[in-house]
Amino acid sequence: MSYDLYLEIDTGADCLTTVVEVGNYTSNVSGMWSKALGERLAAFDGRNAGESVPLLDKGIKAMQDNREEYEAMNPDNGWGRYEGALGYLERLRGACARHPKTVIRVSY
Protein backbone atom coordinates (compact mmCIF):
# COMPACT_ATOMS: atom_id res chain seq x y z
CA MET A 1 0.00 0.00 0.00
CA SER A 2 1.20 3.50 -0.75
CA TYR A 3 0.22 7.14 -0.78
CA ASP A 4 -0.26 9.21 -3.92
CA LEU A 5 -0.40 12.97 -3.41
CA TYR A 6 -1.44 15.59 -5.89
CA LEU A 7 -2.82 19.12 -5.96
CA GLU A 8 -6.03 20.04 -7.79
CA ILE A 9 -7.75 23.29 -8.67
CA ASP A 10 -11.28 24.13 -9.73
CA THR A 11 -11.06 25.88 -13.09
CA GLY A 12 -14.82 26.06 -13.52
CA ALA A 13 -14.85 23.11 -15.89
CA ASP A 14 -16.82 19.94 -15.30
CA CYS A 15 -14.02 18.41 -13.26
CA LEU A 16 -11.08 19.49 -11.13
CA THR A 17 -7.72 19.88 -12.83
CA THR A 18 -4.56 18.31 -11.45
CA VAL A 19 -1.87 20.96 -11.14
CA VAL A 20 0.93 18.91 -9.55
CA GLU A 21 1.53 15.23 -8.95
CA VAL A 22 3.69 15.09 -5.84
CA GLY A 23 4.33 11.40 -6.32
CA ASN A 24 3.99 8.09 -4.59
CA TYR A 25 5.55 6.74 -1.41
CA THR A 26 5.02 3.66 0.71
CA SER A 27 2.57 3.76 3.59
CA ASN A 28 5.07 1.79 5.69
CA VAL A 29 6.37 5.13 6.97
CA SER A 30 2.93 6.53 7.84
CA GLY A 31 3.80 6.33 11.54
CA MET A 32 6.63 8.81 10.97
CA TRP A 33 4.30 11.24 9.22
CA SER A 34 1.63 10.89 11.89
CA LYS A 35 4.13 11.55 14.65
CA ALA A 36 5.66 14.56 12.89
CA LEU A 37 2.37 16.12 11.75
CA GLY A 38 0.27 15.23 14.79
CA GLU A 39 -2.27 13.54 12.52
CA ARG A 40 -2.44 11.09 9.64
CA LEU A 41 -1.23 12.28 6.25
CA ALA A 42 -4.58 11.10 4.87
CA ALA A 43 -6.24 13.88 6.91
CA PHE A 44 -4.78 16.41 4.45
CA ASP A 45 -7.17 15.21 1.73
CA GLY A 46 -9.36 18.14 0.69
CA ARG A 47 -7.36 20.79 2.52
CA ASN A 48 -6.22 24.07 1.02
CA ALA A 49 -2.57 23.79 0.00
CA GLY A 50 -1.49 27.27 1.11
CA GLU A 51 -3.08 26.89 4.52
CA SER A 52 -1.29 23.55 4.98
CA VAL A 53 2.24 24.96 4.59
CA PRO A 54 2.72 25.91 8.29
CA LEU A 55 1.74 22.43 9.50
CA LEU A 56 4.00 20.82 6.91
CA ASP A 57 6.84 23.12 8.02
CA LYS A 58 6.28 22.01 11.61
CA GLY A 59 6.31 18.32 10.62
CA ILE A 60 9.44 18.68 8.50
CA LYS A 61 11.23 20.50 11.32
CA ALA A 62 10.22 17.79 13.80
CA MET A 63 11.70 15.12 11.54
CA GLN A 64 14.89 17.10 10.92
CA ASP A 65 15.41 17.98 14.59
CA ASN A 66 14.82 14.39 15.77
CA ARG A 67 16.43 12.39 13.00
CA GLU A 68 17.56 9.49 15.18
CA GLU A 69 14.10 9.08 16.66
CA TYR A 70 12.53 8.89 13.21
CA GLU A 71 15.27 6.68 11.77
CA ALA A 72 14.46 4.19 14.54
CA MET A 73 10.99 3.98 12.96
CA ASN A 74 12.35 2.73 9.61
CA PRO A 75 10.28 -0.31 8.58
CA ASP A 76 11.91 -3.67 9.24
CA ASN A 77 10.90 -4.91 5.79
CA GLY A 78 13.04 -2.23 4.09
CA TRP A 79 10.10 -0.64 2.25
CA GLY A 80 10.57 3.03 3.07
CA ARG A 81 13.11 4.97 5.06
CA TYR A 82 13.43 8.19 7.04
CA GLU A 83 15.09 10.02 4.13
CA GLY A 84 12.30 9.13 1.73
CA ALA A 85 9.56 9.97 4.21
CA LEU A 86 11.09 13.36 4.91
CA GLY A 87 11.67 14.04 1.22
CA TYR A 88 8.02 13.23 0.46
CA LEU A 89 6.83 15.81 3.00
CA GLU A 90 9.30 18.33 1.61
CA ARG A 91 8.00 17.77 -1.94
CA LEU A 92 4.42 18.21 -0.74
CA ARG A 93 5.35 21.37 1.15
CA GLY A 94 7.13 22.84 -1.87
CA ALA A 95 4.20 22.11 -4.16
CA CYS A 96 1.76 23.66 -1.67
CA ALA A 97 3.88 26.80 -1.38
CA ARG A 98 4.10 27.15 -5.18
CA HIS A 99 0.36 26.52 -5.69
CA PRO A 100 -1.38 27.89 -2.56
CA LYS A 101 -4.87 28.07 -4.10
CA THR A 102 -5.03 24.37 -4.88
CA VAL A 103 -6.53 21.54 -2.85
CA ILE A 104 -4.49 18.59 -1.62
CA ARG A 105 -5.67 15.16 -2.70
CA VAL A 106 -4.49 12.03 -0.94
CA SER A 107 -5.05 8.61 -2.42
CA TYR A 108 -3.94 5.47 -0.57
PDB file of N, CA and C in Angstrom:
ATOM      1  N   MET A   1       0.841  -1.172   0.000  1.00  0.00           N
ATOM      2  CA  MET A   1       0.000   0.000   0.000  1.00  0.00           C
ATOM      3  C   MET A   1       0.891   1.242   0.000  1.00  0.00           C
ATOM      4  N   SER A   2       0.407   2.276  -0.662  1.00  0.00           N
ATOM      5  CA  SER A   2       1.195   3.495  -0.752  1.00  0.00           C
ATOM      6  C   SER A   2       0.287   4.713  -0.818  1.00  0.00           C
ATOM      7  N   TYR A   3       0.904   5.863  -0.675  1.00  0.00           N
ATOM      8  CA  TYR A   3       0.215   7.139  -0.777  1.00  0.00           C
ATOM      9  C   TYR A   3       0.551   7.781  -2.114  1.00  0.00           C
ATOM     10  N   ASP A   4      -0.442   8.368  -2.753  1.00  0.00           N
ATOM     11  CA  ASP A   4      -0.256   9.214  -3.923  1.00  0.00           C
ATOM     12  C   ASP A   4      -0.803  10.582  -3.542  1.00  0.00           C
ATOM     13  N   LEU A   5       0.014  11.615  -3.736  1.00  0.00           N
ATOM     14  CA  LEU A   5      -0.404  12.974  -3.414  1.00  0.00           C
ATOM     15  C   LEU A   5      -0.394  13.821  -4.668  1.00  0.00           C
ATOM     16  N   TYR A   6      -1.405  14.651  -4.793  1.00  0.00           N
ATOM     17  CA  TYR A   6      -1.442  15.595  -5.892  1.00  0.00           C
ATOM     18  C   TYR A   6      -2.256  16.803  -5.487  1.00  0.00           C
ATOM     19  N   LEU A   7      -2.109  17.888  -6.232  1.00  0.00           N
ATOM     20  CA  LEU A   7      -2.823  19.125  -5.964  1.00  0.00           C
ATOM     21  C   LEU A   7      -3.781  19.391  -7.114  1.00  0.00           C
ATOM     22  N   GLU A   8      -5.010  19.771  -6.779  1.00  0.00           N
ATOM     23  CA  GLU A   8      -6.032  20.045  -7.785  1.00  0.00           C
ATOM     24  C   GLU A   8      -6.567  21.459  -7.622  1.00  0.00           C
ATOM     25  N   ILE A   9      -7.133  21.972  -8.710  1.00  0.00           N
ATOM     26  CA  ILE A   9      -7.749  23.289  -8.667  1.00  0.00           C
ATOM     27  C   ILE A   9      -9.045  23.246  -9.469  1.00  0.00           C
ATOM     28  N   ASP A  10     -10.017  24.019  -9.027  1.00  0.00           N
ATOM     29  CA  ASP A  10     -11.284  24.131  -9.731  1.00  0.00           C
ATOM     30  C   ASP A  10     -11.155  25.251 -10.756  1.00  0.00           C
ATOM     31  N   THR A  11     -11.188  24.894 -12.016  1.00  0.00           N
ATOM     32  CA  THR A  11     -11.061  25.878 -13.092  1.00  0.00           C
ATOM     33  C   THR A  11     -12.421  26.302 -13.634  1.00  0.00           C
ATOM     34  N   GLY A  12     -13.471  25.766 -13.044  1.00  0.00           N
ATOM     35  CA  GLY A  12     -14.816  26.065 -13.520  1.00  0.00           C
ATOM     36  C   GLY A  12     -15.295  25.075 -14.563  1.00  0.00           C
ATOM     37  N   ALA A  13     -14.471  24.145 -14.941  1.00  0.00           N
ATOM     38  CA  ALA A  13     -14.852  23.107 -15.889  1.00  0.00           C
ATOM     39  C   ALA A  13     -15.677  22.043 -15.168  1.00  0.00           C
ATOM     40  N   ASP A  14     -16.003  21.007 -15.875  1.00  0.00           N
ATOM     41  CA  ASP A  14     -16.825  19.938 -15.298  1.00  0.00           C
ATOM     42  C   ASP A  14     -16.101  19.115 -14.240  1.00  0.00           C
ATOM     43  N   CYS A  15     -14.777  19.188 -14.232  1.00  0.00           N
ATOM     44  CA  CYS A  15     -14.016  18.412 -13.257  1.00  0.00           C
ATOM     45  C   CYS A  15     -12.822  19.238 -12.773  1.00  0.00           C
ATOM     46  N   LEU A  16     -12.269  18.818 -11.662  1.00  0.00           N
ATOM     47  CA  LEU A  16     -11.085  19.489 -11.127  1.00  0.00           C
ATOM     48  C   LEU A  16      -9.877  19.152 -11.994  1.00  0.00           C
ATOM     49  N   THR A  17      -8.923  20.057 -12.029  1.00  0.00           N
ATOM     50  CA  THR A  17      -7.717  19.881 -12.829  1.00  0.00           C
ATOM     51  C   THR A  17      -6.527  19.632 -11.912  1.00  0.00           C
ATOM     52  N   THR A  18      -5.773  18.582 -12.212  1.00  0.00           N
ATOM     53  CA  THR A  18      -4.562  18.309 -11.449  1.00  0.00           C
ATOM     54  C   THR A  18      -3.485  19.292 -11.867  1.00  0.00           C
ATOM     55  N   VAL A  19      -2.923  19.976 -10.907  1.00  0.00           N
ATOM     56  CA  VAL A  19      -1.870  20.964 -11.139  1.00  0.00           C
ATOM     57  C   VAL A  19      -0.494  20.333 -10.936  1.00  0.00           C
ATOM     58  N   VAL A  20      -0.350  19.531  -9.895  1.00  0.00           N
ATOM     59  CA  VAL A  20       0.927  18.911  -9.553  1.00  0.00           C
ATOM     60  C   VAL A  20       0.682  17.493  -9.060  1.00  0.00           C
ATOM     61  N   GLU A  21       1.494  16.568  -9.525  1.00  0.00           N
ATOM     62  CA  GLU A  21       1.530  15.233  -8.948  1.00  0.00           C
ATOM     63  C   GLU A  21       2.769  15.175  -8.081  1.00  0.00           C
ATOM     64  N   VAL A  22       2.566  15.107  -6.772  1.00  0.00           N
ATOM     65  CA  VAL A  22       3.690  15.093  -5.836  1.00  0.00           C
ATOM     66  C   VAL A  22       4.422  13.764  -5.911  1.00  0.00           C
ATOM     67  N   GLY A  23       3.705  12.704  -6.189  1.00  0.00           N
ATOM     68  CA  GLY A  23       4.332  11.398  -6.322  1.00  0.00           C
ATOM     69  C   GLY A  23       3.738  10.368  -5.400  1.00  0.00           C
ATOM     70  N   ASN A  24       4.446   9.267  -5.309  1.00  0.00           N
ATOM     71  CA  ASN A  24       3.987   8.088  -4.592  1.00  0.00           C
ATOM     72  C   ASN A  24       5.056   7.690  -3.584  1.00  0.00           C
ATOM     73  N   TYR A  25       4.606   7.257  -2.394  1.00  0.00           N
ATOM     74  CA  TYR A  25       5.550   6.736  -1.408  1.00  0.00           C
ATOM     75  C   TYR A  25       4.839   5.707  -0.539  1.00  0.00           C
ATOM     76  N   THR A  26       5.585   4.760  -0.059  1.00  0.00           N
ATOM     77  CA  THR A  26       5.021   3.661   0.710  1.00  0.00           C
ATOM     78  C   THR A  26       4.350   4.128   2.007  1.00  0.00           C
ATOM     79  N   SER A  27       3.278   3.462   2.339  1.00  0.00           N
ATOM     80  CA  SER A  27       2.569   3.756   3.592  1.00  0.00           C
ATOM     81  C   SER A  27       3.269   3.132   4.798  1.00  0.00           C
ATOM     82  N   ASN A  28       4.333   2.388   4.569  1.00  0.00           N
ATOM     83  CA  ASN A  28       5.069   1.789   5.686  1.00  0.00           C
ATOM     84  C   ASN A  28       5.690   2.827   6.607  1.00  0.00           C
ATOM     85  N   VAL A  29       5.804   4.064   6.142  1.00  0.00           N
ATOM     86  CA  VAL A  29       6.370   5.133   6.973  1.00  0.00           C
ATOM     87  C   VAL A  29       5.281   6.063   7.514  1.00  0.00           C
ATOM     88  N   SER A  30       4.033   5.658   7.403  1.00  0.00           N
ATOM     89  CA  SER A  30       2.932   6.527   7.840  1.00  0.00           C
ATOM     90  C   SER A  30       3.018   6.881   9.320  1.00  0.00           C
ATOM     91  N   GLY A  31       3.613   6.015  10.120  1.00  0.00           N
ATOM     92  CA  GLY A  31       3.799   6.330  11.535  1.00  0.00           C
ATOM     93  C   GLY A  31       4.714   7.528  11.745  1.00  0.00           C
ATOM     94  N   MET A  32       5.730   7.650  10.899  1.00  0.00           N
ATOM     95  CA  MET A  32       6.627   8.811  10.974  1.00  0.00           C
ATOM     96  C   MET A  32       5.850  10.084  10.677  1.00  0.00           C
ATOM     97  N   TRP A  33       5.077  10.049   9.597  1.00  0.00           N
ATOM     98  CA  TRP A  33       4.305  11.241   9.219  1.00  0.00           C
ATOM     99  C   TRP A  33       3.302  11.610  10.303  1.00  0.00           C
ATOM    100  N   SER A  34       2.625  10.622  10.843  1.00  0.00           N
ATOM    101  CA  SER A  34       1.628  10.887  11.886  1.00  0.00           C
ATOM    102  C   SER A  34       2.275  11.519  13.111  1.00  0.00           C
ATOM    103  N   LYS A  35       3.423  10.995  13.488  1.00  0.00           N
ATOM    104  CA  LYS A  35       4.131  11.546  14.648  1.00  0.00           C
ATOM    105  C   LYS A  35       4.566  12.984  14.375  1.00  0.00           C
ATOM    106  N   ALA A  36       5.136  13.227  13.213  1.00  0.00           N
ATOM    107  CA  ALA A  36       5.658  14.558  12.886  1.00  0.00           C
ATOM    108  C   ALA A  36       4.550  15.585  12.698  1.00  0.00           C
ATOM    109  N   LEU A  37       3.457  15.181  12.078  1.00  0.00           N
ATOM    110  CA  LEU A  37       2.375  16.116  11.754  1.00  0.00           C
ATOM    111  C   LEU A  37       1.316  16.220  12.852  1.00  0.00           C
ATOM    112  N   GLY A  38       1.294  15.247  13.742  1.00  0.00           N
ATOM    113  CA  GLY A  38       0.274  15.232  14.790  1.00  0.00           C
ATOM    114  C   GLY A  38      -1.054  14.687  14.305  1.00  0.00           C
ATOM    115  N   GLU A  39      -1.081  14.156  13.098  1.00  0.00           N
ATOM    116  CA  GLU A  39      -2.270  13.539  12.520  1.00  0.00           C
ATOM    117  C   GLU A  39      -1.836  12.738  11.301  1.00  0.00           C
ATOM    118  N   ARG A  40      -2.746  11.917  10.816  1.00  0.00           N
ATOM    119  CA  ARG A  40      -2.437  11.092   9.642  1.00  0.00           C
ATOM    120  C   ARG A  40      -2.281  11.963   8.397  1.00  0.00           C
ATOM    121  N   LEU A  41      -1.400  11.578   7.510  1.00  0.00           N
ATOM    122  CA  LEU A  41      -1.234  12.282   6.248  1.00  0.00           C
ATOM    123  C   LEU A  41      -2.537  12.262   5.452  1.00  0.00           C
ATOM    124  N   ALA A  42      -3.296  11.208   5.570  1.00  0.00           N
ATOM    125  CA  ALA A  42      -4.579  11.104   4.873  1.00  0.00           C
ATOM    126  C   ALA A  42      -5.543  12.224   5.265  1.00  0.00           C
ATOM    127  N   ALA A  43      -5.363  12.800   6.450  1.00  0.00           N
ATOM    128  CA  ALA A  43      -6.244  13.883   6.914  1.00  0.00           C
ATOM    129  C   ALA A  43      -6.068  15.153   6.084  1.00  0.00           C
ATOM    130  N   PHE A  44      -5.008  15.236   5.293  1.00  0.00           N
ATOM    131  CA  PHE A  44      -4.783  16.406   4.450  1.00  0.00           C
ATOM    132  C   PHE A  44      -5.675  16.407   3.208  1.00  0.00           C
ATOM    133  N   ASP A  45      -6.316  15.294   2.915  1.00  0.00           N
ATOM    134  CA  ASP A  45      -7.167  15.209   1.734  1.00  0.00           C
ATOM    135  C   ASP A  45      -8.271  16.263   1.798  1.00  0.00           C
ATOM    136  N   GLY A  46      -8.341  17.097   0.766  1.00  0.00           N
ATOM    137  CA  GLY A  46      -9.360  18.138   0.690  1.00  0.00           C
ATOM    138  C   GLY A  46      -8.969  19.467   1.302  1.00  0.00           C
ATOM    139  N   ARG A  47      -7.796  19.549   1.891  1.00  0.00           N
ATOM    140  CA  ARG A  47      -7.361  20.793   2.520  1.00  0.00           C
ATOM    141  C   ARG A  47      -6.740  21.759   1.515  1.00  0.00           C
ATOM    142  N   ASN A  48      -6.861  23.038   1.822  1.00  0.00           N
ATOM    143  CA  ASN A  48      -6.223  24.067   1.018  1.00  0.00           C
ATOM    144  C   ASN A  48      -4.711  23.935   1.145  1.00  0.00           C
ATOM    145  N   ALA A  49      -4.028  23.978   0.023  1.00  0.00           N
ATOM    146  CA  ALA A  49      -2.574  23.790   0.005  1.00  0.00           C
ATOM    147  C   ALA A  49      -1.841  24.896   0.751  1.00  0.00           C
ATOM    148  N   GLY A  50      -2.181  26.151   0.472  1.00  0.00           N
ATOM    149  CA  GLY A  50      -1.490  27.265   1.114  1.00  0.00           C
ATOM    150  C   GLY A  50      -1.648  27.263   2.617  1.00  0.00           C
ATOM    151  N   GLU A  51      -2.828  26.919   3.078  1.00  0.00           N
ATOM    152  CA  GLU A  51      -3.081  26.885   4.519  1.00  0.00           C
ATOM    153  C   GLU A  51      -2.385  25.711   5.197  1.00  0.00           C
ATOM    154  N   SER A  52      -1.952  24.728   4.428  1.00  0.00           N
ATOM    155  CA  SER A  52      -1.291  23.547   4.981  1.00  0.00           C
ATOM    156  C   SER A  52       0.208  23.725   5.163  1.00  0.00           C
ATOM    157  N   VAL A  53       0.782  24.754   4.545  1.00  0.00           N
ATOM    158  CA  VAL A  53       2.236  24.957   4.593  1.00  0.00           C
ATOM    159  C   VAL A  53       2.769  25.048   6.033  1.00  0.00           C
ATOM    160  N   PRO A  54       2.160  25.839   6.928  1.00  0.00           N
ATOM    161  CA  PRO A  54       2.717  25.913   8.290  1.00  0.00           C
ATOM    162  C   PRO A  54       2.758  24.566   9.014  1.00  0.00           C
ATOM    163  N   LEU A  55       1.739  23.744   8.855  1.00  0.00           N
ATOM    164  CA  LEU A  55       1.736  22.433   9.503  1.00  0.00           C
ATOM    165  C   LEU A  55       2.792  21.528   8.874  1.00  0.00           C
ATOM    166  N   LEU A  56       2.955  21.601   7.572  1.00  0.00           N
ATOM    167  CA  LEU A  56       3.997  20.821   6.912  1.00  0.00           C
ATOM    168  C   LEU A  56       5.378  21.282   7.365  1.00  0.00           C
ATOM    169  N   ASP A  57       5.564  22.594   7.503  1.00  0.00           N
ATOM    170  CA  ASP A  57       6.840  23.119   8.023  1.00  0.00           C
ATOM    171  C   ASP A  57       7.132  22.551   9.404  1.00  0.00           C
ATOM    172  N   LYS A  58       6.117  22.520  10.249  1.00  0.00           N
ATOM    173  CA  LYS A  58       6.283  22.005  11.607  1.00  0.00           C
ATOM    174  C   LYS A  58       6.666  20.523  11.584  1.00  0.00           C
ATOM    175  N   GLY A  59       6.007  19.747  10.732  1.00  0.00           N
ATOM    176  CA  GLY A  59       6.308  18.321  10.624  1.00  0.00           C
ATOM    177  C   GLY A  59       7.711  18.066  10.088  1.00  0.00           C
ATOM    178  N   ILE A  60       8.097  18.822   9.076  1.00  0.00           N
ATOM    179  CA  ILE A  60       9.439  18.685   8.505  1.00  0.00           C
ATOM    180  C   ILE A  60      10.496  19.025   9.548  1.00  0.00           C
ATOM    181  N   LYS A  61      10.284  20.103  10.276  1.00  0.00           N
ATOM    182  CA  LYS A  61      11.234  20.499  11.324  1.00  0.00           C
ATOM    183  C   LYS A  61      11.339  19.423  12.397  1.00  0.00           C
ATOM    184  N   ALA A  62      10.203  18.850  12.792  1.00  0.00           N
ATOM    185  CA  ALA A  62      10.217  17.788  13.803  1.00  0.00           C
ATOM    186  C   ALA A  62      11.068  16.611  13.330  1.00  0.00           C
ATOM    187  N   MET A  63      10.917  16.239  12.072  1.00  0.00           N
ATOM    188  CA  MET A  63      11.698  15.119  11.544  1.00  0.00           C
ATOM    189  C   MET A  63      13.178  15.468  11.447  1.00  0.00           C
ATOM    190  N   GLN A  64      13.483  16.687  11.033  1.00  0.00           N
ATOM    191  CA  GLN A  64      14.887  17.098  10.917  1.00  0.00           C
ATOM    192  C   GLN A  64      15.558  17.221  12.283  1.00  0.00           C
ATOM    193  N   ASP A  65      14.842  17.756  13.260  1.00  0.00           N
ATOM    194  CA  ASP A  65      15.408  17.975  14.595  1.00  0.00           C
ATOM    195  C   ASP A  65      15.547  16.692  15.406  1.00  0.00           C
ATOM    196  N   ASN A  66      14.828  15.648  15.016  1.00  0.00           N
ATOM    197  CA  ASN A  66      14.821  14.394  15.772  1.00  0.00           C
ATOM    198  C   ASN A  66      15.131  13.211  14.859  1.00  0.00           C
ATOM    199  N   ARG A  67      16.103  13.386  14.023  1.00  0.00           N
ATOM    200  CA  ARG A  67      16.428  12.392  12.998  1.00  0.00           C
ATOM    201  C   ARG A  67      16.564  10.973  13.560  1.00  0.00           C
ATOM    202  N   GLU A  68      17.317  10.826  14.626  1.00  0.00           N
ATOM    203  CA  GLU A  68      17.563   9.487  15.178  1.00  0.00           C
ATOM    204  C   GLU A  68      16.272   8.822  15.637  1.00  0.00           C
ATOM    205  N   GLU A  69      15.391   9.606  16.215  1.00  0.00           N
ATOM    206  CA  GLU A  69      14.096   9.076  16.665  1.00  0.00           C
ATOM    207  C   GLU A  69      13.279   8.550  15.481  1.00  0.00           C
ATOM    208  N   TYR A  70      13.299   9.297  14.396  1.00  0.00           N
ATOM    209  CA  TYR A  70      12.535   8.889  13.213  1.00  0.00           C
ATOM    210  C   TYR A  70      13.229   7.761  12.450  1.00  0.00           C
ATOM    211  N   GLU A  71      14.552   7.773  12.414  1.00  0.00           N
ATOM    212  CA  GLU A  71      15.273   6.676  11.771  1.00  0.00           C
ATOM    213  C   GLU A  71      14.993   5.354  12.473  1.00  0.00           C
ATOM    214  N   ALA A  72      14.789   5.402  13.774  1.00  0.00           N
ATOM    215  CA  ALA A  72      14.457   4.189  14.535  1.00  0.00           C
ATOM    216  C   ALA A  72      13.110   3.621  14.112  1.00  0.00           C
ATOM    217  N   MET A  73      12.303   4.425  13.427  1.00  0.00           N
ATOM    218  CA  MET A  73      10.992   3.983  12.958  1.00  0.00           C
ATOM    219  C   MET A  73      11.043   3.415  11.537  1.00  0.00           C
ATOM    220  N   ASN A  74      12.245   3.318  10.943  1.00  0.00           N
ATOM    221  CA  ASN A  74      12.352   2.726   9.612  1.00  0.00           C
ATOM    222  C   ASN A  74      11.720   1.335   9.620  1.00  0.00           C
ATOM    223  N   PRO A  75      10.931   1.005   8.618  1.00  0.00           N
ATOM    224  CA  PRO A  75      10.278  -0.306   8.579  1.00  0.00           C
ATOM    225  C   PRO A  75      11.294  -1.450   8.501  1.00  0.00           C
ATOM    226  N   ASP A  76      11.032  -2.496   9.234  1.00  0.00           N
ATOM    227  CA  ASP A  76      11.914  -3.666   9.241  1.00  0.00           C
ATOM    228  C   ASP A  76      11.991  -4.343   7.878  1.00  0.00           C
ATOM    229  N   ASN A  77      10.919  -4.228   7.084  1.00  0.00           N
ATOM    230  CA  ASN A  77      10.897  -4.912   5.794  1.00  0.00           C
ATOM    231  C   ASN A  77      11.677  -4.160   4.707  1.00  0.00           C
ATOM    232  N   GLY A  78      12.232  -2.977   5.033  1.00  0.00           N
ATOM    233  CA  GLY A  78      13.041  -2.229   4.087  1.00  0.00           C
ATOM    234  C   GLY A  78      12.254  -1.390   3.091  1.00  0.00           C
ATOM    235  N   TRP A  79      10.940  -1.433   3.158  1.00  0.00           N
ATOM    236  CA  TRP A  79      10.104  -0.645   2.252  1.00  0.00           C
ATOM    237  C   TRP A  79       9.854   0.712   2.879  1.00  0.00           C
ATOM    238  N   GLY A  80      10.688   1.689   2.529  1.00  0.00           N
ATOM    239  CA  GLY A  80      10.573   3.029   3.072  1.00  0.00           C
ATOM    240  C   GLY A  80      11.661   3.294   4.094  1.00  0.00           C
ATOM    241  N   ARG A  81      12.082   4.554   4.124  1.00  0.00           N
ATOM    242  CA  ARG A  81      13.114   4.968   5.058  1.00  0.00           C
ATOM    243  C   ARG A  81      12.860   6.411   5.472  1.00  0.00           C
ATOM    244  N   TYR A  82      13.532   6.826   6.533  1.00  0.00           N
ATOM    245  CA  TYR A  82      13.434   8.193   7.038  1.00  0.00           C
ATOM    246  C   TYR A  82      13.665   9.219   5.931  1.00  0.00           C
ATOM    247  N   GLU A  83      14.733   9.041   5.165  1.00  0.00           N
ATOM    248  CA  GLU A  83      15.087  10.018   4.130  1.00  0.00           C
ATOM    249  C   GLU A  83      13.967  10.181   3.108  1.00  0.00           C
ATOM    250  N   GLY A  84      13.385   9.081   2.696  1.00  0.00           N
ATOM    251  CA  GLY A  84      12.299   9.135   1.725  1.00  0.00           C
ATOM    252  C   GLY A  84      11.033   9.743   2.305  1.00  0.00           C
ATOM    253  N   ALA A  85      10.744   9.417   3.551  1.00  0.00           N
ATOM    254  CA  ALA A  85       9.556   9.970   4.211  1.00  0.00           C
ATOM    255  C   ALA A  85       9.675  11.477   4.368  1.00  0.00           C
ATOM    256  N   LEU A  86      10.849  11.929   4.775  1.00  0.00           N
ATOM    257  CA  LEU A  86      11.090  13.363   4.906  1.00  0.00           C
ATOM    258  C   LEU A  86      11.032  14.051   3.546  1.00  0.00           C
ATOM    259  N   GLY A  87      11.671  13.469   2.561  1.00  0.00           N
ATOM    260  CA  GLY A  87      11.667  14.039   1.222  1.00  0.00           C
ATOM    261  C   GLY A  87      10.263  14.159   0.643  1.00  0.00           C
ATOM    262  N   TYR A  88       9.409  13.204   0.939  1.00  0.00           N
ATOM    263  CA  TYR A  88       8.024  13.232   0.456  1.00  0.00           C
ATOM    264  C   TYR A  88       7.275  14.416   1.062  1.00  0.00           C
ATOM    265  N   LEU A  89       7.451  14.637   2.370  1.00  0.00           N
ATOM    266  CA  LEU A  89       6.828  15.806   3.003  1.00  0.00           C
ATOM    267  C   LEU A  89       7.391  17.101   2.426  1.00  0.00           C
ATOM    268  N   GLU A  90       8.689  17.132   2.173  1.00  0.00           N
ATOM    269  CA  GLU A  90       9.303  18.327   1.605  1.00  0.00           C
ATOM    270  C   GLU A  90       8.768  18.612   0.202  1.00  0.00           C
ATOM    271  N   ARG A  91       8.572  17.569  -0.597  1.00  0.00           N
ATOM    272  CA  ARG A  91       7.996  17.768  -1.940  1.00  0.00           C
ATOM    273  C   ARG A  91       6.568  18.292  -1.851  1.00  0.00           C
ATOM    274  N   LEU A  92       5.784  17.735  -0.926  1.00  0.00           N
ATOM    275  CA  LEU A  92       4.416  18.213  -0.743  1.00  0.00           C
ATOM    276  C   LEU A  92       4.420  19.666  -0.300  1.00  0.00           C
ATOM    277  N   ARG A  93       5.274  20.005   0.647  1.00  0.00           N
ATOM    278  CA  ARG A  93       5.347  21.375   1.150  1.00  0.00           C
ATOM    279  C   ARG A  93       5.725  22.353   0.031  1.00  0.00           C
ATOM    280  N   GLY A  94       6.708  21.986  -0.764  1.00  0.00           N
ATOM    281  CA  GLY A  94       7.134  22.842  -1.865  1.00  0.00           C
ATOM    282  C   GLY A  94       6.026  23.060  -2.882  1.00  0.00           C
ATOM    283  N   ALA A  95       5.310  21.998  -3.213  1.00  0.00           N
ATOM    284  CA  ALA A  95       4.197  22.107  -4.162  1.00  0.00           C
ATOM    285  C   ALA A  95       3.094  22.994  -3.594  1.00  0.00           C
ATOM    286  N   CYS A  96       2.802  22.839  -2.306  1.00  0.00           N
ATOM    287  CA  CYS A  96       1.761  23.655  -1.665  1.00  0.00           C
ATOM    288  C   CYS A  96       2.152  25.129  -1.656  1.00  0.00           C
ATOM    289  N   ALA A  97       3.415  25.410  -1.404  1.00  0.00           N
ATOM    290  CA  ALA A  97       3.883  26.798  -1.383  1.00  0.00           C
ATOM    291  C   ALA A  97       3.818  27.421  -2.779  1.00  0.00           C
ATOM    292  N   ARG A  98       4.122  26.641  -3.806  1.00  0.00           N
ATOM    293  CA  ARG A  98       4.100  27.154  -5.180  1.00  0.00           C
ATOM    294  C   ARG A  98       2.684  27.306  -5.729  1.00  0.00           C
ATOM    295  N   HIS A  99       1.740  26.525  -5.183  1.00  0.00           N
ATOM    296  CA  HIS A  99       0.362  26.524  -5.685  1.00  0.00           C
ATOM    297  C   HIS A  99      -0.622  26.632  -4.514  1.00  0.00           C
ATOM    298  N   PRO A 100      -0.610  27.763  -3.804  1.00  0.00           N
ATOM    299  CA  PRO A 100      -1.382  27.890  -2.563  1.00  0.00           C
ATOM    300  C   PRO A 100      -2.902  27.870  -2.728  1.00  0.00           C
ATOM    301  N   LYS A 101      -3.410  28.040  -3.909  1.00  0.00           N
ATOM    302  CA  LYS A 101      -4.870  28.066  -4.097  1.00  0.00           C
ATOM    303  C   LYS A 101      -5.429  26.702  -4.501  1.00  0.00           C
ATOM    304  N   THR A 102      -4.579  25.708  -4.520  1.00  0.00           N
ATOM    305  CA  THR A 102      -5.027  24.368  -4.885  1.00  0.00           C
ATOM    306  C   THR A 102      -5.537  23.621  -3.646  1.00  0.00           C
ATOM    307  N   VAL A 103      -6.052  22.431  -3.906  1.00  0.00           N
ATOM    308  CA  VAL A 103      -6.534  21.542  -2.851  1.00  0.00           C
ATOM    309  C   VAL A 103      -5.675  20.288  -2.882  1.00  0.00           C
ATOM    310  N   ILE A 104      -5.284  19.822  -1.720  1.00  0.00           N
ATOM    311  CA  ILE A 104      -4.487  18.587  -1.617  1.00  0.00           C
ATOM    312  C   ILE A 104      -5.412  17.393  -1.779  1.00  0.00           C
ATOM    313  N   ARG A 105      -4.964  16.440  -2.556  1.00  0.00           N
ATOM    314  CA  ARG A 105      -5.670  15.163  -2.698  1.00  0.00           C
ATOM    315  C   ARG A 105      -4.736  14.043  -2.285  1.00  0.00           C
ATOM    316  N   VAL A 106      -5.259  13.163  -1.454  1.00  0.00           N
ATOM    317  CA  VAL A 106      -4.492  12.029  -0.945  1.00  0.00           C
ATOM    318  C   VAL A 106      -5.214  10.759  -1.347  1.00  0.00           C
ATOM    319  N   SER A 107      -4.505   9.907  -2.033  1.00  0.00           N
ATOM    320  CA  SER A 107      -5.045   8.609  -2.416  1.00  0.00           C
ATOM    321  C   SER A 107      -4.143   7.549  -1.810  1.00  0.00           C
ATOM    322  N   TYR A 108      -4.735   6.548  -1.172  1.00  0.00           N
ATOM    323  CA  TYR A 108      -3.939   5.470  -0.574  1.00  0.00           C
ATOM    324  C   TYR A 108      -4.710   4.182  -0.598  1.00  0.00           C
TER     325      TYR A 108
END
